[in-house]
Amino acid sequence: VGAGFVVGMSCAFAEGAIFAQVPAMFPDSSGSVAGV
């Protein structure tokens, strides 16, 4: 269970990082890029 929590933490950090990049890179088409 503790290891599962650490996996969840790693997913959280990566997902937050990725979707900080999406609208910053594509400000006028964030929905389309977020969809892909």
PDB file of all heavy atoms in Angstrom:
ATOM      1  N   VAL A   1       0.844  -1.206   0.000  1.00  0.00           N
ATOM      2  CA  VAL A   1       0.000   0.000   0.000  1.00  0.00           C
ATOM      3  C   VAL A   1       0.876   1.253   0.000  1.00  0.00           C
ATOM      4  O   VAL A   1       0.607   2.219  -0.713  1.00  0.00           O
ATOM      5  CB  VAL A   1      -0.941  -0.006   1.226  1.00  0.00           C
ATOM      6  CG1 VAL A   1      -1.665   1.336   1.356  1.00  0.00           C
ATOM      7  CG2 VAL A   1      -1.962  -1.138   1.097  1.00  0.00           C
ATOM      8  N   GLY A   2       1.946   1.235   0.802  1.00  0.00           N
ATOM      9  CA  GLY A   2       2.872   2.365   0.817  1.00  0.00           C
ATOM     10  C   GLY A   2       3.537   2.577  -0.533  1.00  0.00           C
ATOM     11  O   GLY A   2       3.690   3.713  -1.003  1.00  0.00           O
ATOM     12  N   ALA A   3       3.930   1.469  -1.185  1.00  0.00           N
ATOM     13  CA  ALA A   3       4.531   1.568  -2.514  1.00  0.00           C
ATOM     14  C   ALA A   3       3.521   2.116  -3.514  1.00  0.00           C
ATOM     15  O   ALA A   3       3.877   2.901  -4.407  1.00  0.00           O
ATOM     16  CB  ALA A   3       5.037   0.203  -2.961  1.00  0.00           C
ATOM     17  N   GLY A   4       2.256   1.723  -3.366  1.00  0.00           N
ATOM     18  CA  GLY A   4       1.216   2.250  -4.243  1.00  0.00           C
ATOM     19  C   GLY A   4       1.049   3.746  -4.077  1.00  0.00           C
ATOM     20  O   GLY A   4       0.805   4.472  -5.047  1.00  0.00           O
ATOM     21  N   PHE A   5       1.175   4.217  -2.857  1.00  0.00           N
ATOM     22  CA  PHE A   5       1.101   5.660  -2.596  1.00  0.00           C
ATOM     23  C   PHE A   5       2.235   6.387  -3.324  1.00  0.00           C
ATOM     24  O   PHE A   5       2.024   7.460  -3.905  1.00  0.00           O
ATOM     25  CB  PHE A   5       1.179   5.926  -1.098  1.00  0.00           C
ATOM     26  CG  PHE A   5       1.004   7.375  -0.716  1.00  0.00           C
ATOM     27  CD1 PHE A   5      -0.256   7.891  -0.464  1.00  0.00           C
ATOM     28  CD2 PHE A   5       2.106   8.216  -0.611  1.00  0.00           C
ATOM     29  CE1 PHE A   5      -0.428   9.226  -0.115  1.00  0.00           C
ATOM     30  CE2 PHE A   5       1.948   9.555  -0.273  1.00  0.00           C
ATOM     31  CZ  PHE A   5       0.676  10.062  -0.022  1.00  0.00           C
ATOM     32  N   VAL A   6       3.436   5.819  -3.306  1.00  0.00           N
ATOM     33  CA  VAL A   6       4.581   6.430  -3.987  1.00  0.00           C
ATOM     34  C   VAL A   6       4.359   6.455  -5.497  1.00  0.00           C
ATOM     35  O   VAL A   6       4.682   7.443  -6.168  1.00  0.00           O
ATOM     36  CB  VAL A   6       5.883   5.681  -3.640  1.00  0.00           C
ATOM     37  CG1 VAL A   6       7.052   6.207  -4.475  1.00  0.00           C
ATOM     38  CG2 VAL A   6       6.196   5.825  -2.155  1.00  0.00           C
ATOM     39  N   VAL A   7       3.791   5.382  -6.043  1.00  0.00           N
ATOM     40  CA  VAL A   7       3.466   5.372  -7.475  1.00  0.00           C
ATOM     41  C   VAL A   7       2.461   6.480  -7.789  1.00  0.00           C
ATOM     42  O   VAL A   7       2.582   7.198  -8.788  1.00  0.00           O
ATOM     43  CB  VAL A   7       2.914   3.999  -7.914  1.00  0.00           C
ATOM     44  CG1 VAL A   7       2.430   4.064  -9.361  1.00  0.00           C
ATOM     45  CG2 VAL A   7       3.966   2.924  -7.772  1.00  0.00           C
ATOM     46  N   GLY A   8       1.450   6.627  -6.931  1.00  0.00           N
ATOM     47  CA  GLY A   8       0.477   7.703  -7.120  1.00  0.00           C
ATOM     48  C   GLY A   8       1.130   9.070  -7.089  1.00  0.00           C
ATOM     49  O   GLY A   8       0.787   9.960  -7.869  1.00  0.00           O
ATOM     50  N   MET A   9       2.080   9.251  -6.182  1.00  0.00           N
ATOM     51  CA  MET A   9       2.810  10.517  -6.092  1.00  0.00           C
ATOM     52  C   MET A   9       3.575  10.796  -7.388  1.00  0.00           C
ATOM     53  O   MET A   9       3.552  11.922  -7.909  1.00  0.00           O
ATOM     54  CB  MET A   9       3.796  10.453  -4.918  1.00  0.00           C
ATOM     55  CG  MET A   9       4.598  11.724  -4.694  1.00  0.00           C
ATOM     56  SD  MET A   9       5.923  11.489  -3.457  1.00  0.00           S
ATOM     57  CE  MET A   9       4.968  10.873  -2.057  1.00  0.00           C
ATOM     58  N   SER A  10       4.238   9.778  -7.926  1.00  0.00           N
ATOM     59  CA  SER A  10       4.997   9.974  -9.163  1.00  0.00           C
ATOM     60  C   SER A  10       4.074  10.331 -10.327  1.00  0.00           C
ATOM     61  O   SER A  10       4.405  11.188 -11.151  1.00  0.00           O
ATOM     62  CB  SER A  10       5.800   8.711  -9.485  1.00  0.00           C
ATOM     63  OG  SER A  10       4.971   7.623  -9.841  1.00  0.00           O
ATOM     64  N   CYS A  11       2.910   9.678 -10.389  1.00  0.00           N
ATOM     65  CA  CYS A  11       1.925  10.016 -11.431  1.00  0.00           C
ATOM     66  C   CYS A  11       1.466  11.467 -11.292  1.00  0.00           C
ATOM     67  O   CYS A  11       1.354  12.197 -12.286  1.00  0.00           O
ATOM     68  CB  CYS A  11       0.719   9.087 -11.333  1.00  0.00           C
ATOM     69  SG  CYS A  11       1.020   7.377 -11.821  1.00  0.00           S
ATOM     70  N   ALA A  12       1.188  11.872 -10.060  1.00  0.00           N
ATOM     71  CA  ALA A  12       0.704  13.225  -9.804  1.00  0.00           C
ATOM     72  C   ALA A  12       1.703  14.277 -10.267  1.00  0.00           C
ATOM     73  O   ALA A  12       1.345  15.253 -10.940  1.00  0.00           O
ATOM     74  CB  ALA A  12       0.408  13.400  -8.314  1.00  0.00           C
ATOM     75  N   PHE A  13       2.961  14.102  -9.902  1.00  0.00           N
ATOM     76  CA  PHE A  13       3.984  15.076 -10.272  1.00  0.00           C
ATOM     77  C   PHE A  13       4.122  15.166 -11.795  1.00  0.00           C
ATOM     78  O   PHE A  13       4.228  16.265 -12.354  1.00  0.00           O
ATOM     79  CB  PHE A  13       5.330  14.696  -9.660  1.00  0.00           C
ATOM     80  CG  PHE A  13       5.386  14.862  -8.164  1.00  0.00           C
ATOM     81  CD1 PHE A  13       6.457  14.364  -7.441  1.00  0.00           C
ATOM     82  CD2 PHE A  13       4.373  15.508  -7.465  1.00  0.00           C
ATOM     83  CE1 PHE A  13       6.529  14.519  -6.061  1.00  0.00           C
ATOM     84  CE2 PHE A  13       4.427  15.654  -6.089  1.00  0.00           C
ATOM     85  CZ  PHE A  13       5.505  15.152  -5.382  1.00  0.00           C
ATOM     86  N   ALA A  14       4.116  14.004 -12.475  1.00  0.00           N
ATOM     87  CA  ALA A  14       4.278  13.999 -13.931  1.00  0.00           C
ATOM     88  C   ALA A  14       3.079  14.619 -14.632  1.00  0.00           C
ATOM     89  O   ALA A  14       3.230  15.418 -15.563  1.00  0.00           O
ATOM     90  CB  ALA A  14       4.496  12.569 -14.420  1.00  0.00           C
ATOM     91  N   GLU A  15       1.889  14.284 -14.181  1.00  0.00           N
ATOM     92  CA  GLU A  15       0.686  14.829 -14.817  1.00  0.00           C
ATOM     93  C   GLU A  15       0.608  16.339 -14.657  1.00  0.00           C
ATOM     94  O   GLU A  15       0.252  17.062 -15.594  1.00  0.00           O
ATOM     95  CB  GLU A  15      -0.553  14.165 -14.212  1.00  0.00           C
ATOM     96  CG  GLU A  15      -0.691  12.697 -14.550  1.00  0.00           C
ATOM     97  CD  GLU A  15      -1.572  11.949 -13.583  1.00  0.00           C
ATOM     98  OE1 GLU A  15      -2.238  12.586 -12.741  1.00  0.00           O
ATOM     99  OE2 GLU A  15      -1.587  10.708 -13.658  1.00  0.00           O
ATOM    100  N   GLY A  16       0.931  16.828 -13.454  1.00  0.00           N
ATOM    101  CA  GLY A  16       0.937  18.271 -13.232  1.00  0.00           C
ATOM    102  C   GLY A  16       1.956  18.961 -14.108  1.00  0.00           C
ATOM    103  O   GLY A  16       1.699  20.045 -14.659  1.00  0.00           O
ATOM    104  N   ALA A  17       3.130  18.340 -14.276  1.00  0.00           N
ATOM    105  CA  ALA A  17       4.181  18.918 -15.116  1.00  0.00           C
ATOM    106  C   ALA A  17       3.764  18.953 -16.574  1.00  0.00           C
ATOM    107  O   ALA A  17       3.963  19.957 -17.280  1.00  0.00           O
ATOM    108  CB  ALA A  17       5.470  18.110 -14.957  1.00  0.00           C
ATOM    109  N   ILE A  18       3.158  17.866 -17.050  1.00  0.00           N
ATOM    110  CA  ILE A  18       2.756  17.781 -18.458  1.00  0.00           C
ATOM    111  C   ILE A  18       1.696  18.816 -18.792  1.00  0.00           C
ATOM    112  O   ILE A  18       1.771  19.517 -19.807  1.00  0.00           O
ATOM    113  CB  ILE A  18       2.251  16.364 -18.781  1.00  0.00           C
ATOM    114  CG1 ILE A  18       3.416  15.370 -18.718  1.00  0.00           C
ATOM    115  CG2 ILE A  18       1.579  16.312 -20.149  1.00  0.00           C
ATOM    116  CD1 ILE A  18       2.984  13.916 -18.667  1.00  0.00           C
ATOM    117  N   PHE A  19       0.692  18.946 -17.919  1.00  0.00           N
ATOM    118  CA  PHE A  19      -0.371  19.892 -18.238  1.00  0.00           C
ATOM    119  C   PHE A  19      -0.085  21.312 -17.785  1.00  0.00           C
ATOM    120  O   PHE A  19      -0.926  22.196 -17.927  1.00  0.00           O
ATOM    121  CB  PHE A  19      -1.725  19.376 -17.748  1.00  0.00           C
ATOM    122  CG  PHE A  19      -2.404  18.589 -18.828  1.00  0.00           C
ATOM    123  CD1 PHE A  19      -2.277  17.215 -18.889  1.00  0.00           C
ATOM    124  CD2 PHE A  19      -3.095  19.226 -19.839  1.00  0.00           C
ATOM    125  CE1 PHE A  19      -2.852  16.489 -19.908  1.00  0.00           C
ATOM    126  CE2 PHE A  19      -3.683  18.522 -20.865  1.00  0.00           C
ATOM    127  CZ  PHE A  19      -3.564  17.146 -20.908  1.00  0.00           C
ATOM    128  N   ALA A  20       1.112  21.552 -17.267  1.00  0.00           N
ATOM    129  CA  ALA A  20       1.610  22.917 -17.176  1.00  0.00           C
ATOM    130  C   ALA A  20       2.215  23.303 -18.523  1.00  0.00           C
ATOM    131  O   ALA A  20       2.176  24.464 -18.930  1.00  0.00           O
ATOM    132  CB  ALA A  20       2.662  23.029 -16.076  1.00  0.00           C
ATOM    133  N   GLN A  21       2.752  22.321 -19.236  1.00  0.00           N
ATOM    134  CA  GLN A  21       3.370  22.583 -20.526  1.00  0.00           C
ATOM    135  C   GLN A  21       2.355  22.786 -21.641  1.00  0.00           C
ATOM    136  O   GLN A  21       2.555  23.612 -22.525  1.00  0.00           O
ATOM    137  CB  GLN A  21       4.304  21.422 -20.914  1.00  0.00           C
ATOM    138  CG  GLN A  21       5.617  21.390 -20.148  1.00  0.00           C
ATOM    139  CD  GLN A  21       6.565  20.350 -20.715  1.00  0.00           C
ATOM    140  OE1 GLN A  21       6.888  19.378 -20.056  1.00  0.00           O
ATOM    141  NE2 GLN A  21       7.010  20.561 -21.938  1.00  0.00           N
ATOM    142  N   VAL A  22       1.263  22.018 -21.637  1.00  0.00           N
ATOM    143  CA  VAL A  22       0.325  22.030 -22.763  1.00  0.00           C
ATOM    144  C   VAL A  22      -0.207  23.428 -23.091  1.00  0.00           C
ATOM    145  O   VAL A  22      -0.024  23.927 -24.205  1.00  0.00           O
ATOM    146  CB  VAL A  22      -0.824  21.034 -22.530  1.00  0.00           C
ATOM    147  CG1 VAL A  22      -1.954  21.264 -23.536  1.00  0.00           C
ATOM    148  CG2 VAL A  22      -0.319  19.603 -22.639  1.00  0.00           C
ATOM    149  N   PRO A  23      -0.886  24.115 -22.156  1.00  0.00           N
ATOM    150  CA  PRO A  23      -1.414  25.442 -22.513  1.00  0.00           C
ATOM    151  C   PRO A  23      -0.324  26.489 -22.672  1.00  0.00           C
ATOM    152  O   PRO A  23      -0.528  27.481 -23.373  1.00  0.00           O
ATOM    153  CB  PRO A  23      -2.348  25.781 -21.343  1.00  0.00           C
ATOM    154  CG  PRO A  23      -1.855  24.966 -20.205  1.00  0.00           C
ATOM    155  CD  PRO A  23      -1.285  23.721 -20.796  1.00  0.00           C
ATOM    156  N   ALA A  24       0.834  26.290 -22.024  1.00  0.00           N
ATOM    157  CA  ALA A  24       1.934  27.236 -22.193  1.00  0.00           C
ATOM    158  C   ALA A  24       2.523  27.141 -23.594  1.00  0.00           C
ATOM    159  O   ALA A  24       2.903  28.156 -24.194  1.00  0.00           O
ATOM    160  CB  ALA A  24       3.018  26.983 -21.144  1.00  0.00           C
ATOM    161  N   MET A  25       2.585  25.956 -24.146  1.00  0.00           N
ATOM    162  CA  MET A  25       3.138  25.747 -25.487  1.00  0.00           C
ATOM    163  C   MET A  25       2.135  26.107 -26.576  1.00  0.00           C
ATOM    164  O   MET A  25       2.506  26.628 -27.629  1.00  0.00           O
ATOM    165  CB  MET A  25       3.571  24.291 -25.657  1.00  0.00           C
ATOM    166  CG  MET A  25       4.758  23.874 -24.812  1.00  0.00           C
ATOM    167  SD  MET A  25       5.104  22.091 -24.948  1.00  0.00           S
ATOM    168  CE  MET A  25       5.702  22.002 -26.632  1.00  0.00           C
ATOM    169  N   PHE A  26       0.836  25.835 -26.334  1.00  0.00           N
ATOM    170  CA  PHE A  26      -0.192  26.031 -27.357  1.00  0.00           C
ATOM    171  C   PHE A  26      -1.339  26.880 -26.787  1.00  0.00           C
ATOM    172  O   PHE A  26      -2.439  26.382 -26.568  1.00  0.00           O
ATOM    173  CB  PHE A  26      -0.733  24.681 -27.828  1.00  0.00           C
ATOM    174  CG  PHE A  26       0.303  23.776 -28.435  1.00  0.00           C
ATOM    175  CD1 PHE A  26       0.977  22.841 -27.651  1.00  0.00           C
ATOM    176  CD2 PHE A  26       0.606  23.841 -29.787  1.00  0.00           C
ATOM    177  CE1 PHE A  26       1.918  21.996 -28.206  1.00  0.00           C
ATOM    178  CE2 PHE A  26       1.557  22.996 -30.352  1.00  0.00           C
ATOM    179  CZ  PHE A  26       2.210  22.078 -29.565  1.00  0.00           C
ATOM    180  N   PRO A  27      -1.114  28.166 -26.558  1.00  0.00           N
ATOM    181  CA  PRO A  27      -2.103  28.993 -25.865  1.00  0.00           C
ATOM    182  C   PRO A  27      -3.423  29.180 -26.609  1.00  0.00           C
ATOM    183  O   PRO A  27      -4.462  29.352 -25.967  1.00  0.00           O
ATOM    184  CB  PRO A  27      -1.377  30.336 -25.688  1.00  0.00           C
ATOM    185  CG  PRO A  27      -0.320  30.344 -26.744  1.00  0.00           C
ATOM    186  CD  PRO A  27       0.110  28.928 -26.875  1.00  0.00           C
ATOM    187  N   ASP A  28      -3.426  29.159 -27.942  1.00  0.00           N
ATOM    188  CA  ASP A  28      -4.658  29.392 -28.691  1.00  0.00           C
ATOM    189  C   ASP A  28      -5.341  28.114 -29.143  1.00  0.00           C
ATOM    190  O   ASP A  28      -6.360  28.168 -29.834  1.00  0.00           O
ATOM    191  CB  ASP A  28      -4.378  30.278 -29.913  1.00  0.00           C
ATOM    192  CG  ASP A  28      -4.027  31.706 -29.517  1.00  0.00           C
ATOM    193  OD1 ASP A  28      -4.498  32.149 -28.447  1.00  0.00           O
ATOM    194  OD2 ASP A  28      -3.282  32.362 -30.273  1.00  0.00           O
ATOM    195  N   SER A  29      -4.783  26.985 -28.787  1.00  0.00           N
ATOM    196  CA  SER A  29      -5.402  25.704 -29.155  1.00  0.00           C
ATOM    197  C   SER A  29      -5.239  24.702 -28.025  1.00  0.00           C
ATOM    198  O   SER A  29      -4.999  23.517 -28.256  1.00  0.00           O
ATOM    199  CB  SER A  29      -4.789  25.158 -30.452  1.00  0.00           C
ATOM    200  OG  SER A  29      -3.378  25.100 -30.366  1.00  0.00           O
ATOM    201  N   SER A  30      -5.373  25.185 -26.800  1.00  0.00           N
ATOM    202  CA  SER A  30      -5.137  24.324 -25.637  1.00  0.00           C
ATOM    203  C   SER A  30      -6.124  23.170 -25.571  1.00  0.00           C
ATOM    204  O   SER A  30      -5.776  22.063 -25.141  1.00  0.00           O
ATOM    205  CB  SER A  30      -5.197  25.145 -24.346  1.00  0.00           C
ATOM    206  OG  SER A  30      -6.462  25.755 -24.194  1.00  0.00           O
ATOM    207  N   GLY A  31      -7.367  23.403 -25.991  1.00  0.00           N
ATOM    208  CA  GLY A  31      -8.352  22.331 -25.954  1.00  0.00           C
ATOM    209  C   GLY A  31      -8.006  21.215 -26.922  1.00  0.00           C
ATOM    210  O   GLY A  31      -8.061  20.039 -26.582  1.00  0.00           O
ATOM    211  N   SER A  32      -7.630  21.582 -28.150  1.00  0.00           N
ATOM    212  CA  SER A  32      -7.286  20.583 -29.158  1.00  0.00           C
ATOM    213  C   SER A  32      -6.065  19.776 -28.745  1.00  0.00           C
ATOM    214  O   SER A  32      -6.043  18.548 -28.858  1.00  0.00           O
ATOM    215  CB  SER A  32      -7.028  21.267 -30.506  1.00  0.00           C
ATOM    216  OG  SER A  32      -8.193  21.903 -30.983  1.00  0.00           O
ATOM    217  N   VAL A  33      -5.022  20.468 -28.261  1.00  0.00           N
ATOM    218  CA  VAL A  33      -3.805  19.766 -27.848  1.00  0.00           C
ATOM    219  C   VAL A  33      -4.070  18.938 -26.590  1.00  0.00           C
ATOM    220  O   VAL A  33      -3.616  17.794 -26.481  1.00  0.00           O
ATOM    221  CB  VAL A  33      -2.650  20.755 -27.620  1.00  0.00           C
ATOM    222  CG1 VAL A  33      -1.402  20.021 -27.130  1.00  0.00           C
ATOM    223  CG2 VAL A  33      -2.332  21.508 -28.908  1.00  0.00           C
ATOM    224  N   ALA A  34      -4.814  19.502 -25.651  1.00  0.00           N
ATOM    225  CA  ALA A  34      -5.169  18.743 -24.448  1.00  0.00           C
ATOM    226  C   ALA A  34      -5.957  17.495 -24.820  1.00  0.00           C
ATOM    227  O   ALA A  34      -5.801  16.436 -24.193  1.00  0.00           O
ATOM    228  CB  ALA A  34      -5.974  19.610 -23.491  1.00  0.00           C
ATOM    229  N   GLY A  35      -6.796  17.601 -25.846  1.00  0.00           N
ATOM    230  CA  GLY A  35      -7.560  16.448 -26.295  1.00  0.00           C
ATOM    231  C   GLY A  35      -6.669  15.341 -26.823  1.00  0.00           C
ATOM    232  O   GLY A  35      -6.867  14.169 -26.529  1.00  0.00           O
ATOM    233  N   VAL A  36      -5.657  15.734 -27.625  1.00  0.00           N
ATOM    234  CA  VAL A  36      -4.729  14.736 -28.171  1.00  0.00           C
ATOM    235  C   VAL A  36      -3.904  14.113 -27.050  1.00  0.00           C
ATOM    236  O   VAL A  36      -3.785  12.891 -26.943  1.00  0.00           O
ATOM    237  CB  VAL A  36      -3.799  15.375 -29.226  1.00  0.00           C
ATOM    238  CG1 VAL A  36      -2.744  14.373 -29.675  1.00  0.00           C
ATOM    239  CG2 VAL A  36      -4.604  15.877 -30.412  1.00  0.00           C
TER     240      VAL A  36
END
